[in-house]
Amino acid sequence: RTGLDAETLATEGRVVALAAGHPLAARDRVTVADLGVTADTLHGYIEETRSKGHDLAQLLTLVGLGGLTPVLPASVAA
């Protein structure tokens, strides 16, 4: 126990960022399985891809170069 309480204030969907030429980019929906990730490894996948860039701009540059397919909060797609 930490002596702290936690309460969910909001939840947000996720999107995957794909390069325009990526085979999955033409789809309306992409599943976790399409990324070759299981439900058990999804959290690790999200953290690993997020750690590749220092900020959103760098992550999206890596996506554009075809080197990364991060799962991001849906608000970045707005």
N, C-alpha and C. Protein backbone atom coordinates (compact mmCIF):
# COMPACT_ATOMS: atom_id res chain seq x y z
N ARG A 1 0.83 -1.19 0.00
CA ARG A 1 0.00 0.00 0.00
C ARG A 1 0.88 1.24 0.00
N THR A 2 0.42 2.23 -0.71
CA THR A 2 1.18 3.48 -0.81
C THR A 2 0.63 4.58 0.07
N GLY A 3 -0.56 4.39 0.60
CA GLY A 3 -1.18 5.46 1.36
C GLY A 3 -1.85 6.49 0.47
N LEU A 4 -1.88 6.22 -0.82
CA LEU A 4 -2.50 7.13 -1.79
C LEU A 4 -3.78 6.53 -2.33
N ASP A 5 -4.71 7.37 -2.67
CA ASP A 5 -5.94 6.94 -3.34
C ASP A 5 -5.85 7.34 -4.80
N ALA A 6 -6.45 6.54 -5.67
CA ALA A 6 -6.48 6.86 -7.10
C ALA A 6 -7.91 6.82 -7.58
N GLU A 7 -8.25 7.74 -8.46
CA GLU A 7 -9.59 7.79 -9.03
C GLU A 7 -9.47 8.16 -10.50
N THR A 8 -10.14 7.39 -11.36
CA THR A 8 -10.13 7.69 -12.79
C THR A 8 -10.99 8.92 -13.04
N LEU A 9 -10.40 9.93 -13.66
CA LEU A 9 -11.12 11.16 -13.97
C LEU A 9 -11.67 11.15 -15.39
N ALA A 10 -10.96 10.48 -16.28
CA ALA A 10 -11.39 10.42 -17.68
C ALA A 10 -10.69 9.25 -18.35
N THR A 11 -11.26 8.78 -19.42
CA THR A 11 -10.63 7.76 -20.24
C THR A 11 -10.60 8.28 -21.67
N GLU A 12 -9.67 7.78 -22.44
CA GLU A 12 -9.53 8.24 -23.82
C GLU A 12 -9.18 7.05 -24.70
N GLY A 13 -9.77 7.01 -25.87
CA GLY A 13 -9.47 5.97 -26.83
C GLY A 13 -8.04 6.09 -27.34
N ARG A 14 -7.64 5.12 -28.09
CA ARG A 14 -6.29 5.09 -28.66
C ARG A 14 -6.38 5.00 -30.18
N VAL A 15 -5.36 5.52 -30.83
CA VAL A 15 -5.22 5.41 -32.27
C VAL A 15 -3.81 4.92 -32.55
N VAL A 16 -3.62 4.34 -33.72
CA VAL A 16 -2.29 3.94 -34.12
C VAL A 16 -1.84 4.89 -35.23
N ALA A 17 -0.62 5.36 -35.14
CA ALA A 17 -0.06 6.25 -36.16
C ALA A 17 0.70 5.39 -37.17
N LEU A 18 0.32 5.51 -38.43
CA LEU A 18 0.92 4.70 -39.49
C LEU A 18 1.42 5.59 -40.62
N ALA A 19 2.54 5.23 -41.21
CA ALA A 19 3.02 5.92 -42.40
C ALA A 19 2.02 5.70 -43.53
N ALA A 20 1.91 6.67 -44.43
CA ALA A 20 0.93 6.58 -45.52
C ALA A 20 1.09 5.30 -46.34
N GLY A 21 2.30 4.82 -46.51
CA GLY A 21 2.54 3.62 -47.29
C GLY A 21 2.45 2.32 -46.53
N HIS A 22 2.13 2.38 -45.26
CA HIS A 22 2.04 1.18 -44.43
C HIS A 22 0.87 0.32 -44.91
N PRO A 23 1.03 -1.00 -44.96
CA PRO A 23 -0.05 -1.88 -45.43
C PRO A 23 -1.36 -1.73 -44.66
N LEU A 24 -1.32 -1.32 -43.41
CA LEU A 24 -2.54 -1.16 -42.62
C LEU A 24 -3.17 0.23 -42.77
N ALA A 25 -2.48 1.15 -43.40
CA ALA A 25 -2.95 2.54 -43.47
C ALA A 25 -4.25 2.71 -44.24
N ALA A 26 -4.56 1.83 -45.15
CA ALA A 26 -5.79 1.95 -45.94
C ALA A 26 -7.02 1.48 -45.18
N ARG A 27 -6.83 0.85 -44.05
CA ARG A 27 -7.96 0.32 -43.28
C ARG A 27 -8.63 1.41 -42.45
N ASP A 28 -9.93 1.22 -42.22
CA ASP A 28 -10.67 2.12 -41.33
C ASP A 28 -10.40 1.79 -39.87
N ARG A 29 -10.12 0.52 -39.60
CA ARG A 29 -9.85 0.06 -38.24
C ARG A 29 -8.64 -0.86 -38.24
N VAL A 30 -7.88 -0.77 -37.18
CA VAL A 30 -6.72 -1.64 -36.99
C VAL A 30 -6.86 -2.24 -35.59
N THR A 31 -6.67 -3.54 -35.51
CA THR A 31 -6.75 -4.21 -34.21
C THR A 31 -5.36 -4.39 -33.62
N VAL A 32 -5.33 -4.68 -32.35
CA VAL A 32 -4.07 -4.97 -31.67
C VAL A 32 -3.39 -6.16 -32.35
N ALA A 33 -4.17 -7.16 -32.73
CA ALA A 33 -3.61 -8.34 -33.40
C ALA A 33 -2.97 -7.96 -34.73
N ASP A 34 -3.54 -6.97 -35.44
CA ASP A 34 -2.96 -6.52 -36.71
C ASP A 34 -1.54 -6.00 -36.52
N LEU A 35 -1.27 -5.47 -35.34
CA LEU A 35 0.06 -4.94 -35.02
C LEU A 35 1.01 -6.03 -34.55
N GLY A 36 0.49 -7.26 -34.42
CA GLY A 36 1.31 -8.36 -33.94
C GLY A 36 1.52 -8.31 -32.44
N VAL A 37 0.56 -7.68 -31.75
CA VAL A 37 0.65 -7.50 -30.31
C VAL A 37 -0.52 -8.24 -29.67
N THR A 38 -0.30 -8.80 -28.50
CA THR A 38 -1.39 -9.44 -27.76
C THR A 38 -1.86 -8.51 -26.65
N ALA A 39 -3.01 -8.80 -26.10
CA ALA A 39 -3.53 -8.01 -24.99
C ALA A 39 -2.54 -8.00 -23.82
N ASP A 40 -1.84 -9.10 -23.63
CA ASP A 40 -0.88 -9.21 -22.53
C ASP A 40 0.36 -8.33 -22.73
N THR A 41 0.71 -8.05 -23.98
CA THR A 41 1.93 -7.28 -24.26
C THR A 41 1.64 -5.86 -24.74
N LEU A 42 0.37 -5.47 -24.80
CA LEU A 42 0.01 -4.15 -25.33
C LEU A 42 0.65 -3.02 -24.54
N HIS A 43 0.58 -3.07 -23.22
CA HIS A 43 1.15 -1.98 -22.41
C HIS A 43 2.64 -1.82 -22.70
N GLY A 44 3.36 -2.92 -22.75
CA GLY A 44 4.78 -2.87 -23.06
C GLY A 44 5.05 -2.31 -24.44
N TYR A 45 4.21 -2.67 -25.42
CA TYR A 45 4.35 -2.16 -26.79
C TYR A 45 4.16 -0.65 -26.80
N ILE A 46 3.13 -0.16 -26.11
CA ILE A 46 2.86 1.28 -26.07
C ILE A 46 4.05 2.01 -25.45
N GLU A 47 4.55 1.52 -24.34
CA GLU A 47 5.67 2.16 -23.66
C GLU A 47 6.95 2.12 -24.50
N GLU A 48 7.18 0.99 -25.15
CA GLU A 48 8.40 0.85 -25.98
C GLU A 48 8.38 1.82 -27.14
N THR A 49 7.26 1.91 -27.86
CA THR A 49 7.21 2.81 -29.01
C THR A 49 7.24 4.27 -28.56
N ARG A 50 6.60 4.58 -27.45
CA ARG A 50 6.60 5.95 -26.94
C ARG A 50 8.01 6.39 -26.56
N SER A 51 8.82 5.48 -26.05
CA SER A 51 10.16 5.82 -25.60
C SER A 51 11.12 6.09 -26.77
N LYS A 52 10.72 5.79 -27.98
CA LYS A 52 11.58 6.01 -29.15
C LYS A 52 11.70 7.48 -29.51
N GLY A 53 10.74 8.29 -29.11
CA GLY A 53 10.78 9.72 -29.43
C GLY A 53 10.74 10.56 -28.17
N HIS A 54 11.31 11.75 -28.27
CA HIS A 54 11.34 12.65 -27.11
C HIS A 54 10.04 13.44 -26.98
N ASP A 55 9.33 13.60 -28.10
CA ASP A 55 8.07 14.33 -28.08
C ASP A 55 7.21 13.84 -29.24
N LEU A 56 5.99 14.36 -29.33
CA LEU A 56 5.06 13.91 -30.37
C LEU A 56 5.59 14.19 -31.76
N ALA A 57 6.20 15.34 -31.97
CA ALA A 57 6.73 15.69 -33.29
C ALA A 57 7.79 14.68 -33.74
N GLN A 58 8.66 14.28 -32.84
CA GLN A 58 9.69 13.31 -33.19
C GLN A 58 9.07 11.94 -33.45
N LEU A 59 8.09 11.54 -32.65
CA LEU A 59 7.41 10.26 -32.89
C LEU A 59 6.77 10.24 -34.27
N LEU A 60 6.09 11.33 -34.63
CA LEU A 60 5.41 11.37 -35.92
C LEU A 60 6.40 11.43 -37.08
N THR A 61 7.55 12.03 -36.87
CA THR A 61 8.60 12.00 -37.89
C THR A 61 9.07 10.57 -38.12
N LEU A 62 9.26 9.82 -37.04
CA LEU A 62 9.65 8.41 -37.16
C LEU A 62 8.57 7.60 -37.85
N VAL A 63 7.31 7.90 -37.57
CA VAL A 63 6.20 7.23 -38.26
C VAL A 63 6.29 7.50 -39.75
N GLY A 64 6.46 8.77 -40.12
CA GLY A 64 6.53 9.14 -41.53
C GLY A 64 7.67 8.47 -42.27
N LEU A 65 8.74 8.19 -41.57
CA LEU A 65 9.88 7.49 -42.16
C LEU A 65 9.65 5.99 -42.24
N GLY A 66 8.53 5.54 -41.69
CA GLY A 66 8.19 4.12 -41.75
C GLY A 66 8.85 3.28 -40.68
N GLY A 67 9.42 3.92 -39.67
CA GLY A 67 10.15 3.16 -38.67
C GLY A 67 9.43 2.90 -37.38
N LEU A 68 8.17 3.32 -37.28
CA LEU A 68 7.50 3.21 -36.00
C LEU A 68 6.00 3.21 -36.21
N THR A 69 5.28 2.43 -35.42
CA THR A 69 3.81 2.43 -35.43
C THR A 69 3.30 2.54 -33.99
N PRO A 70 3.39 3.73 -33.41
CA PRO A 70 2.98 3.88 -32.01
C PRO A 70 1.47 3.90 -31.83
N VAL A 71 1.03 3.46 -30.67
CA VAL A 71 -0.36 3.58 -30.25
C VAL A 71 -0.40 4.82 -29.36
N LEU A 72 -1.23 5.80 -29.76
CA LEU A 72 -1.25 7.10 -29.10
C LEU A 72 -2.65 7.45 -28.62
N PRO A 73 -2.76 8.42 -27.71
CA PRO A 73 -4.09 8.88 -27.32
C PRO A 73 -4.84 9.45 -28.53
N ALA A 74 -6.14 9.21 -28.58
CA ALA A 74 -6.95 9.64 -29.72
C ALA A 74 -6.90 11.15 -29.93
N SER A 75 -6.65 11.91 -28.89
CA SER A 75 -6.63 13.37 -29.02
C SER A 75 -5.53 13.87 -29.95
N VAL A 76 -4.50 13.09 -30.21
CA VAL A 76 -3.45 13.54 -31.12
C VAL A 76 -3.93 13.53 -32.57
N ALA A 77 -5.00 12.82 -32.85
CA ALA A 77 -5.52 12.74 -34.22
C ALA A 77 -6.43 13.92 -34.55
N ALA A 78 -6.77 14.71 -33.56
CA ALA A 78 -7.69 15.84 -33.77
C ALA A 78 -7.02 16.99 -34.50
